[in-house]
Amino acid sequence: MQPILECVPNFSEGNDLSIIRQITDEIESVTGIRLLNVDPGKATNRTVVTFVGAPEAVVEAAFLAIRKAGELIDMSKHQGEHPRMGATDVCPLIPVAGITLEEAADYSRVLAKRVGTELNLPVYLYEAAQPDQSRNNLSVIRAGEYENFATKIRQPEWRPDFGPAEFDVKRGATVIGARDFLVAYNVNLNTTSVRRANAIAFDVREAGRVKRENGKPVLDANGNTVSIPGSLKSVKAIGWFIEEYGIAQISINLTNLNVTPVHTAFDEVGKKAGERGIRVTGSELVGLVPLKSLLDAGKYFLGKQQRSRGVSEKELIHIAVKSLGLDELSPFKPEEKIIEYLLKDAGLSKMVSQTLTEFADETASESPAPGGGSIAAYIGSLGAALATMVANLSSHKKGWDDRWEEFGNWAEKGQGYKDRLLKLVDADTHAFNGIMAAFGLPKMTEPEKQFRSKAIADATRVAIEVPLEVMELSLESMDLIRAMVETGNPNSVSDAGVGALCARSAVMGAFMNVRINAASYSDKEYVNQVVTRGKELENKCMAMESEILRMVNEKIGI
């Protein structure tokens, strides 16, 4: 997998859109960079920008953006609600795919050295890029903010990692580092009190609050202040008032979503706010969020309602948005806020994004793709979808309330089969197109002939393995179909029966594609293995279909 880095620089300008545009123009001038999100905040006077690309391109784009921000933003005139210390306040590099956090840290040090040397700007390393654990925390580095940095930077322990140890009045200083994916998340309160918002923030954030007795900090044996930890791990939080909205918020950084996901933070803030007589009214995501965060939130809230979690991705996102109140302050647009949606190449889902009529018309056209392989995958997805429907109907059946989780778990499995088979609809067409492209390669010279032959062989192997995966998944889905015939809503037994017919057709149809593509593949040992496996899957499928249809017909009764 080609390595992909994400960069999320925070610039100390949230009101002048022309300045923001000039900075993002610099980013987009770099070949291979994709600008994903620009999120200006008026009250914070701060803009969070997100872009991705190959590591070298990301470093170049970040450097140009930091340079341009230093030219355009005057920190001596800056006012905003968010803590800050420079025109480019913080610039983290985040591994997305094909690259480790350690490698991202190496690239961040390359960027930091270049900014310090070429731009003559004080730079501090943080998080994974900072070897000194006493100064790797962003809030510690930024303590005192811009206003107190002229004094701080002269202290030996706060000498910058790169660049001059001199206060830059106009540009301030910047922090560059590497970290895991962080979600910036604000929870809305029905109060205007910053003091009470801060109290709630201290209740939940990992660092908690300083322990006090008679109004004075309690010290340990070494003279250090004693803290009362908050209730959530991997969480940083403060309270503030947002004049734009007329409310106080808890501003949260979720630094490890595996430890504290978005929905856990939301519920915990709601609990702590309630203890103080305050109500949570909604929340907002600043920047982007991984798809999994919203899917997990949707499943969490459905589970609390004792409803099946086996619904579509779109429905899970809808439930998450409504439950978290992500649309309270402004419309929430998944296509603009979910990182996977922004990275998605629309060309890779050409078939499944069509209407039923468009898909049928294209199949019927003179084009050889989509063909039988794509249709087999689609039929398989319909079989899984029918069984999932039966599971969801059973989960909500009157009188079966105590079985909602049993059927909900089956429905989740069914959604997985359906979604994976839908992806294979396009994958089969892409595999066929890959073979055609390989045949179109030049074959004049001997090296060209060898390259062409290998390309054809590689593409053919993909065209064998895609329908083989359709067979595997469609057969697996028959366990779900059989379970729904045996234990599901009896009024929907015929739907499960049709699902079995679809799964059988998908397996048999996909096997035809496996065989026709394998016939021209030169590795005969591999071909024998594939065909043997295909026959085994087909035989199992036909036996299961016969058993399922027997049960269906017995239950129908006439």
Foldseek 3Di string as FASTA:
>chain_A
DQWKKKKKWKFQAQDPVVLVVVLVVLLVVQPFKDWQDWFGDDQQRMIITMIMGHLVSNLNSVLSSLLSLLVPFFPLPGDHDDFAFFRRGEMAMETDPDDDLLVSLVSQVVSQQCCQPVVLAFEAEADPNDPPPVPRDSCVLRPVHNVCQQPVLPDPVNPGPGGHSHADRGTGHYYYGYAYDKWWKKWWKPAQDQVLLQQLQLQAAQQRAFDDDPRHFDADPVRHGDHDGHDFPQKHWGWDGRPVVRTIIITMMRRDCVRPAPLNVLVSSQVSLVVVVMHTDAMEIRAADALVSQLVQLLVVCVVVLAFSLDASVVSNVSSCVVRVHPVVHHDDCCSHHVVNSVDDVVLQVQVVDDPVVNVVVAPDPDCPPDLLLVLLQLLLLLLVLLLVQLRCQLPDPPNVVCNVVSSVLSNLSNVLNVVSSSLSSQLRVLVVQLVVLVVFDDPDPVSVVSSVVSNQVSLVSNLVSLLVQLVSLLVSLVSLLCCLVDTDLVSLVSSLSSLVSSLSSLVSSLVSNLVSLVPHDPVVVSVVSNVVSVVSNVSSVVSSVVSVVSSCVSVPD
